[in-house]
PDB file of N, CA and C in Angstrom:
ATOM      1  N   UNK A   1      24.063  36.496-173.859  1.00  0.00           N
ATOM      2  CA  UNK A   1      23.108  35.786-173.084  1.00  0.00           C
ATOM      3  C   UNK A   1      21.817  36.562-172.838  1.00  0.00           C
ATOM      4  N   UNK A   2      21.887  37.883-172.730  1.00  0.00           N
ATOM      5  CA  UNK A   2      20.667  38.615-172.516  1.00  0.00           C
ATOM      6  C   UNK A   2      20.457  39.411-173.777  1.00  0.00           C
ATOM      7  N   UNK A   3      19.191  39.833-173.971  1.00  0.00           N
ATOM      8  CA  UNK A   3      18.948  40.586-175.154  1.00  0.00           C
ATOM      9  C   UNK A   3      17.669  41.310-174.960  1.00  0.00           C
ATOM     10  N   UNK A   4      17.345  42.233-175.856  1.00  0.00           N
ATOM     11  CA  UNK A   4      16.049  42.958-175.864  1.00  0.00           C
ATOM     12  C   UNK A   4      15.278  42.589-177.121  1.00  0.00           C
ATOM     13  N   UNK A   5      14.070  42.224-176.986  1.00  0.00           N
ATOM     14  CA  UNK A   5      13.283  41.819-178.077  1.00  0.00           C
ATOM     15  C   UNK A   5      12.079  42.657-178.177  1.00  0.00           C
ATOM     16  N   UNK A   6      11.696  43.134-179.397  1.00  0.00           N
ATOM     17  CA  UNK A   6      10.496  43.900-179.587  1.00  0.00           C
ATOM     18  C   UNK A   6       9.410  42.987-179.906  1.00  0.00           C
ATOM     19  N   UNK A   7       8.291  43.040-179.080  1.00  0.00           N
ATOM     20  CA  UNK A   7       7.168  42.186-179.267  1.00  0.00           C
ATOM     21  C   UNK A   7       5.932  43.097-179.266  1.00  0.00           C
ATOM     22  N   UNK A   8       4.786  42.643-179.794  1.00  0.00           N
ATOM     23  CA  UNK A   8       3.633  43.385-179.936  1.00  0.00           C
ATOM     24  C   UNK A   8       2.484  42.577-179.248  1.00  0.00           C
ATOM     25  N   UNK A   9       1.754  43.207-178.464  1.00  0.00           N
ATOM     26  CA  UNK A   9       0.608  42.592-177.785  1.00  0.00           C
ATOM     27  C   UNK A   9      -0.457  42.318-178.812  1.00  0.00           C
ATOM     28  N   UNK A  10      -0.824  41.096-178.989  1.00  0.00           N
ATOM     29  CA  UNK A  10      -1.769  40.715-179.914  1.00  0.00           C
ATOM     30  C   UNK A  10      -3.215  40.761-179.485  1.00  0.00           C
ATOM     31  N   UNK A  11      -4.039  40.316-180.334  1.00  0.00           N
ATOM     32  CA  UNK A  11      -5.492  40.233-179.952  1.00  0.00           C
ATOM     33  C   UNK A  11      -5.574  39.283-178.769  1.00  0.00           C
ATOM     34  N   UNK A  12      -6.584  39.494-177.856  1.00  0.00           N
ATOM     35  CA  UNK A  12      -6.731  38.601-176.747  1.00  0.00           C
ATOM     36  C   UNK A  12      -5.601  38.658-175.757  1.00  0.00           C
ATOM     37  N   UNK A  13      -4.723  39.757-175.879  1.00  0.00           N
ATOM     38  CA  UNK A  13      -3.651  39.942-174.913  1.00  0.00           C
ATOM     39  C   UNK A  13      -2.467  39.000-175.029  1.00  0.00           C
ATOM     40  N   UNK A  14      -2.258  38.397-176.166  1.00  0.00           N
ATOM     41  CA  UNK A  14      -1.225  37.408-176.369  1.00  0.00           C
ATOM     42  C   UNK A  14       0.083  38.075-176.703  1.00  0.00           C
ATOM     43  N   UNK A  15       1.167  37.570-176.133  1.00  0.00           N
ATOM     44  CA  UNK A  15       2.463  37.880-176.533  1.00  0.00           C
ATOM     45  C   UNK A  15       3.195  36.637-177.190  1.00  0.00           C
ATOM     46  N   UNK A  16       3.918  36.971-178.215  1.00  0.00           N
ATOM     47  CA  UNK A  16       4.711  35.891-178.817  1.00  0.00           C
ATOM     48  C   UNK A  16       6.157  36.035-178.459  1.00  0.00           C
ATOM     49  N   UNK A  17       6.680  34.983-177.833  1.00  0.00           N
ATOM     50  CA  UNK A  17       8.098  35.035-177.419  1.00  0.00           C
ATOM     51  C   UNK A  17       8.933  34.585-178.708  1.00  0.00           C
ATOM     52  N   UNK A  18       9.870  35.406-179.074  1.00  0.00           N
ATOM     53  CA  UNK A  18      10.641  35.107-180.345  1.00  0.00           C
ATOM     54  C   UNK A  18      11.300  33.717-180.237  1.00  0.00           C
ATOM     55  N   UNK A  19      11.351  33.120-181.407  1.00  0.00           N
ATOM     56  CA  UNK A  19      11.862  31.721-181.484  1.00  0.00           C
ATOM     57  C   UNK A  19      13.337  31.649-180.933  1.00  0.00           C
ATOM     58  N   UNK A  20      14.153  32.570-181.192  1.00  0.00           N
ATOM     59  CA  UNK A  20      15.504  32.538-180.703  1.00  0.00           C
ATOM     60  C   UNK A  20      15.593  32.433-179.173  1.00  0.00           C
ATOM     61  N   UNK A  21      14.725  33.241-178.493  1.00  0.00           N
ATOM     62  CA  UNK A  21      14.598  33.294-177.053  1.00  0.00           C
ATOM     63  C   UNK A  21      14.038  31.999-176.564  1.00  0.00           C
ATOM     64  N   UNK A  22      12.927  31.532-177.200  1.00  0.00           N
ATOM     65  CA  UNK A  22      12.328  30.235-176.789  1.00  0.00           C
ATOM     66  C   UNK A  22      13.376  29.098-176.819  1.00  0.00           C
ATOM     67  N   UNK A  23      14.157  29.024-177.870  1.00  0.00           N
ATOM     68  CA  UNK A  23      15.153  27.996-177.928  1.00  0.00           C
ATOM     69  C   UNK A  23      16.262  28.103-176.919  1.00  0.00           C
ATOM     70  N   UNK A  24      16.775  29.371-176.709  1.00  0.00           N
ATOM     71  CA  UNK A  24      17.801  29.540-175.725  1.00  0.00           C
ATOM     72  C   UNK A  24      17.322  29.279-174.288  1.00  0.00           C
ATOM     73  N   UNK A  25      16.068  29.607-173.974  1.00  0.00           N
ATOM     74  CA  UNK A  25      15.508  29.422-172.712  1.00  0.00           C
ATOM     75  C   UNK A  25      14.860  28.076-172.538  1.00  0.00           C
ATOM     76  N   UNK A  26      14.870  27.306-173.604  1.00  0.00           N
ATOM     77  CA  UNK A  26      14.237  25.965-173.622  1.00  0.00           C
ATOM     78  C   UNK A  26      12.737  25.993-173.200  1.00  0.00           C
ATOM     79  N   UNK A  27      12.089  26.958-173.828  1.00  0.00           N
ATOM     80  CA  UNK A  27      10.632  27.114-173.506  1.00  0.00           C
ATOM     81  C   UNK A  27       9.851  26.336-174.606  1.00  0.00           C
ATOM     82  N   UNK A  28       8.869  25.508-174.128  1.00  0.00           N
ATOM     83  CA  UNK A  28       8.014  24.790-175.001  1.00  0.00           C
ATOM     84  C   UNK A  28       6.642  25.210-174.774  1.00  0.00           C
ATOM     85  N   UNK A  29       5.693  24.861-175.746  1.00  0.00           N
ATOM     86  CA  UNK A  29       4.324  25.084-175.586  1.00  0.00           C
ATOM     87  C   UNK A  29       3.879  24.462-174.241  1.00  0.00           C
ATOM     88  N   UNK A  30       3.156  25.272-173.480  1.00  0.00           N
ATOM     89  CA  UNK A  30       2.601  24.736-172.153  1.00  0.00           C
ATOM     90  C   UNK A  30       3.609  25.013-170.977  1.00  0.00           C
ATOM     91  N   UNK A  31       4.772  25.626-171.231  1.00  0.00           N
ATOM     92  CA  UNK A  31       5.643  25.946-170.096  1.00  0.00           C
ATOM     93  C   UNK A  31       5.005  27.014-169.298  1.00  0.00           C
ATOM     94  N   UNK A  32       4.866  26.700-167.941  1.00  0.00           N
ATOM     95  CA  UNK A  32       4.233  27.741-167.050  1.00  0.00           C
ATOM     96  C   UNK A  32       5.157  28.931-166.917  1.00  0.00           C
ATOM     97  N   UNK A  33       4.576  30.146-167.137  1.00  0.00           N
ATOM     98  CA  UNK A  33       5.294  31.408-167.015  1.00  0.00           C
ATOM     99  C   UNK A  33       4.574  32.219-165.963  1.00  0.00           C
ATOM    100  N   UNK A  34       5.379  33.171-165.400  1.00  0.00           N
ATOM    101  CA  UNK A  34       4.787  34.146-164.415  1.00  0.00           C
ATOM    102  C   UNK A  34       5.075  35.580-164.900  1.00  0.00           C
ATOM    103  N   UNK A  35       4.118  36.455-164.747  1.00  0.00           N
ATOM    104  CA  UNK A  35       4.355  37.884-164.983  1.00  0.00           C
ATOM    105  C   UNK A  35       4.502  38.460-163.606  1.00  0.00           C
ATOM    106  N   UNK A  36       5.592  39.149-163.379  1.00  0.00           N
ATOM    107  CA  UNK A  36       5.879  39.788-162.095  1.00  0.00           C
ATOM    108  C   UNK A  36       5.866  41.295-162.310  1.00  0.00           C
ATOM    109  N   UNK A  37       4.989  41.957-161.663  1.00  0.00           N
ATOM    110  CA  UNK A  37       4.836  43.435-161.729  1.00  0.00           C
ATOM    111  C   UNK A  37       5.844  44.079-160.835  1.00  0.00           C
ATOM    112  N   UNK A  38       6.633  45.069-161.322  1.00  0.00           N
ATOM    113  CA  UNK A  38       7.545  45.774-160.583  1.00  0.00           C
ATOM    114  C   UNK A  38       7.215  47.262-160.744  1.00  0.00           C
ATOM    115  N   UNK A  39       7.829  48.185-159.905  1.00  0.00           N
ATOM    116  CA  UNK A  39       7.599  49.581-160.110  1.00  0.00           C
ATOM    117  C   UNK A  39       7.994  50.125-161.481  1.00  0.00           C
ATOM    118  N   UNK A  40       8.895  49.374-162.200  1.00  0.00           N
ATOM    119  CA  UNK A  40       9.396  49.850-163.503  1.00  0.00           C
ATOM    120  C   UNK A  40       8.758  49.118-164.622  1.00  0.00           C
ATOM    121  N   UNK A  41       7.803  48.252-164.380  1.00  0.00           N
ATOM    122  CA  UNK A  41       7.209  47.495-165.462  1.00  0.00           C
ATOM    123  C   UNK A  41       6.937  46.095-165.031  1.00  0.00           C
ATOM    124  N   UNK A  42       7.106  45.145-165.913  1.00  0.00           N
ATOM    125  CA  UNK A  42       6.899  43.753-165.544  1.00  0.00           C
ATOM    126  C   UNK A  42       8.017  42.866-166.091  1.00  0.00           C
ATOM    127  N   UNK A  43       8.191  41.761-165.471  1.00  0.00           N
ATOM    128  CA  UNK A  43       9.109  40.683-165.912  1.00  0.00           C
ATOM    129  C   UNK A  43       8.380  39.469-166.280  1.00  0.00           C
ATOM    130  N   UNK A  44       8.893  38.732-167.255  1.00  0.00           N
ATOM    131  CA  UNK A  44       8.326  37.411-167.601  1.00  0.00           C
ATOM    132  C   UNK A  44       9.386  36.391-167.245  1.00  0.00           C
ATOM    133  N   UNK A  45       8.959  35.388-166.424  1.00  0.00           N
ATOM    134  CA  UNK A  45       9.955  34.336-166.124  1.00  0.00           C
ATOM    135  C   UNK A  45       9.225  33.097-165.953  1.00  0.00           C
ATOM    136  N   UNK A  46       9.890  31.925-165.933  1.00  0.00           N
ATOM    137  CA  UNK A  46       9.314  30.645-165.662  1.00  0.00           C
ATOM    138  C   UNK A  46       9.011  30.624-164.183  1.00  0.00           C
ATOM    139  N   UNK A  47       8.190  29.646-163.804  1.00  0.00           N
ATOM    140  CA  UNK A  47       7.804  29.477-162.405  1.00  0.00           C
ATOM    141  C   UNK A  47       9.059  29.089-161.603  1.00  0.00           C
ATOM    142  N   UNK A  48       9.907  28.267-162.221  1.00  0.00           N
ATOM    143  CA  UNK A  48      11.097  27.838-161.439  1.00  0.00           C
ATOM    144  C   UNK A  48      12.032  29.060-161.261  1.00  0.00           C
ATOM    145  N   UNK A  49      12.158  29.969-162.262  1.00  0.00           N
ATOM    146  CA  UNK A  49      12.982  31.133-162.057  1.00  0.00           C
ATOM    147  C   UNK A  49      12.349  31.972-160.938  1.00  0.00           C
ATOM    148  N   UNK A  50      11.062  32.124-160.895  1.00  0.00           N
ATOM    149  CA  UNK A  50      10.428  32.921-159.879  1.00  0.00           C
ATOM    150  C   UNK A  50      10.634  32.300-158.520  1.00  0.00           C
ATOM    151  N   UNK A  51      10.568  30.963-158.391  1.00  0.00           N
ATOM    152  CA  UNK A  51      10.830  30.312-157.077  1.00  0.00           C
ATOM    153  C   UNK A  51      12.315  30.660-156.708  1.00  0.00           C
ATOM    154  N   UNK A  52      13.227  30.494-157.625  1.00  0.00           N
ATOM    155  CA  UNK A  52      14.691  30.767-157.319  1.00  0.00           C
ATOM    156  C   UNK A  52      14.863  32.229-156.850  1.00  0.00           C
ATOM    157  N   UNK A  53      14.148  33.123-157.471  1.00  0.00           N
ATOM    158  CA  UNK A  53      14.285  34.549-157.166  1.00  0.00           C
ATOM    159  C   UNK A  53      13.825  34.812-155.764  1.00  0.00           C
ATOM    160  N   UNK A  54      12.645  34.248-155.381  1.00  0.00           N
ATOM    161  CA  UNK A  54      12.088  34.450-154.053  1.00  0.00           C
ATOM    162  C   UNK A  54      12.961  33.840-153.023  1.00  0.00           C
ATOM    163  N   UNK A  55      13.473  32.565-153.322  1.00  0.00           N
ATOM    164  CA  UNK A  55      14.440  31.994-152.298  1.00  0.00           C
ATOM    165  C   UNK A  55      15.663  32.817-152.120  1.00  0.00           C
ATOM    166  N   UNK A  56      16.131  33.462-153.211  1.00  0.00           N
ATOM    167  CA  UNK A  56      17.344  34.298-153.012  1.00  0.00           C
ATOM    168  C   UNK A  56      17.071  35.542-152.228  1.00  0.00           C
ATOM    169  N   UNK A  57      15.813  36.079-152.453  1.00  0.00           N
ATOM    170  CA  UNK A  57      15.413  37.295-151.718  1.00  0.00           C
ATOM    171  C   UNK A  57      15.236  37.035-150.292  1.00  0.00           C
ATOM    172  N   UNK A  58      14.790  35.808-149.901  1.00  0.00           N
ATOM    173  CA  UNK A  58      14.489  35.479-148.527  1.00  0.00           C
ATOM    174  C   UNK A  58      15.630  34.779-147.831  1.00  0.00           C
ATOM    175  N   UNK A  59      16.776  34.511-148.551  1.00  0.00           N
ATOM    176  CA  UNK A  59      17.891  33.838-147.978  1.00  0.00           C
ATOM    177  C   UNK A  59      18.365  34.538-146.776  1.00  0.00           C
ATOM    178  N   UNK A  60      18.524  33.842-145.690  1.00  0.00           N
ATOM    179  CA  UNK A  60      19.061  34.392-144.468  1.00  0.00           C
ATOM    180  C   UNK A  60      18.021  35.163-143.655  1.00  0.00           C
ATOM    181  N   UNK A  61      16.894  35.391-144.179  1.00  0.00           N
ATOM    182  CA  UNK A  61      15.818  36.123-143.444  1.00  0.00           C
ATOM    183  C   UNK A  61      15.227  35.192-142.442  1.00  0.00           C
ATOM    184  N   UNK A  62      14.987  35.652-141.181  1.00  0.00           N
ATOM    185  CA  UNK A  62      14.389  34.886-140.188  1.00  0.00           C
ATOM    186  C   UNK A  62      12.974  35.476-139.978  1.00  0.00           C
ATOM    187  N   UNK A  63      12.076  35.045-140.810  1.00  0.00           N
ATOM    188  CA  UNK A  63      10.749  35.636-140.834  1.00  0.00           C
ATOM    189  C   UNK A  63       9.956  35.379-139.512  1.00  0.00           C
ATOM    190  N   UNK A  64      10.186  34.232-138.920  1.00  0.00           N
ATOM    191  CA  UNK A  64       9.446  33.888-137.725  1.00  0.00           C
ATOM    192  C   UNK A  64       9.882  34.854-136.569  1.00  0.00           C
ATOM    193  N   UNK A  65      11.226  35.036-136.390  1.00  0.00           N
ATOM    194  CA  UNK A  65      11.655  35.960-135.372  1.00  0.00           C
ATOM    195  C   UNK A  65      11.258  37.408-135.639  1.00  0.00           C
ATOM    196  N   UNK A  66      11.178  37.803-136.919  1.00  0.00           N
ATOM    197  CA  UNK A  66      10.729  39.114-137.306  1.00  0.00           C
ATOM    198  C   UNK A  66       9.264  39.234-136.926  1.00  0.00           C
ATOM    199  N   UNK A  67       8.424  38.305-137.188  1.00  0.00           N
ATOM    200  CA  UNK A  67       7.039  38.365-136.854  1.00  0.00           C
ATOM    201  C   UNK A  67       6.811  38.456-135.347  1.00  0.00           C
ATOM    202  N   UNK A  68       7.523  37.612-134.603  1.00  0.00           N
ATOM    203  CA  UNK A  68       7.403  37.554-133.190  1.00  0.00           C
ATOM    204  C   UNK A  68       7.777  38.886-132.561  1.00  0.00           C
ATOM    205  N   UNK A  69       8.898  39.484-133.073  1.00  0.00           N
ATOM    206  CA  UNK A  69       9.276  40.821-132.558  1.00  0.00           C
ATOM    207  C   UNK A  69       8.236  41.846-132.800  1.00  0.00           C
ATOM    208  N   UNK A  70       7.650  41.810-133.973  1.00  0.00           N
ATOM    209  CA  UNK A  70       6.569  42.804-134.257  1.00  0.00           C
ATOM    210  C   UNK A  70       5.340  42.567-133.357  1.00  0.00           C
ATOM    211  N   UNK A  71       4.979  41.376-133.197  1.00  0.00           N
ATOM    212  CA  UNK A  71       3.778  41.002-132.340  1.00  0.00           C
ATOM    213  C   UNK A  71       4.095  41.445-130.839  1.00  0.00           C
ATOM    214  N   UNK A  72       5.286  41.104-130.410  1.00  0.00           N
ATOM    215  CA  UNK A  72       5.588  41.543-128.994  1.00  0.00           C
ATOM    216  C   UNK A  72       5.515  43.065-128.859  1.00  0.00           C
ATOM    217  N   UNK A  73       6.032  43.764-129.768  1.00  0.00           N
ATOM    218  CA  UNK A  73       6.073  45.207-129.719  1.00  0.00           C
ATOM    219  C   UNK A  73       4.609  45.745-129.721  1.00  0.00           C
ATOM    220  N   UNK A  74       3.793  45.135-130.519  1.00  0.00           N
ATOM    221  CA  UNK A  74       2.349  45.579-130.595  1.00  0.00           C
ATOM    222  C   UNK A  74       1.684  45.252-129.316  1.00  0.00           C
ATOM    223  N   UNK A  75       1.971  44.052-128.694  1.00  0.00           N
ATOM    224  CA  UNK A  75       1.344  43.720-127.391  1.00  0.00           C
ATOM    225  C   UNK A  75       1.844  44.644-126.298  1.00  0.00           C
ATOM    226  N   UNK A  76       3.106  44.968-126.288  1.00  0.00           N
ATOM    227  CA  UNK A  76       3.657  45.904-125.319  1.00  0.00           C
ATOM    228  C   UNK A  76       3.041  47.260-125.403  1.00  0.00           C
ATOM    229  N   UNK A  77       2.840  47.765-126.653  1.00  0.00           N
ATOM    230  CA  UNK A  77       2.253  49.053-126.872  1.00  0.00           C
ATOM    231  C   UNK A  77       0.801  49.042-126.404  1.00  0.00           C
ATOM    232  N   UNK A  78       0.122  47.936-126.575  1.00  0.00           N
ATOM    233  CA  UNK A  78      -1.268  47.809-126.220  1.00  0.00           C
ATOM    234  C   UNK A  78      -1.378  47.770-124.666  1.00  0.00           C
ATOM    235  N   UNK A  79      -0.434  47.092-124.031  1.00  0.00           N
ATOM    236  CA  UNK A  79      -0.485  47.049-122.560  1.00  0.00           C
ATOM    237  C   UNK A  79      -0.128  48.368-121.950  1.00  0.00           C
ATOM    238  N   UNK A  80       0.748  49.115-122.558  1.00  0.00           N
ATOM    239  CA  UNK A  80       1.127  50.391-122.079  1.00  0.00           C
ATOM    240  C   UNK A  80      -0.038  51.485-122.267  1.00  0.00           C
ATOM    241  N   UNK A  81      -0.834  51.260-123.249  1.00  0.00           N
ATOM    242  CA  UNK A  81      -1.843  52.266-123.616  1.00  0.00           C
ATOM    243  C   UNK A  81      -3.118  52.017-122.930  1.00  0.00           C
TER     244      UNK A  81
END
């Protein structure tokens, strides 16, 4: 299911996705892709895969409470100082 493919960056910065991978991933001309930079390099994924990854990373996170806690701590520090 996973593999490593050697590709070469072409003129004008183009990468060619090997046919075998395009077929397996059901990629067609015009499929929106995202490049995600990481500390170890970058990932290429479809926009839907990126959305799924972000949702998984944020699952269970209560961002509103986290932000409120930070703001209340900052306000308390400001009032004390």
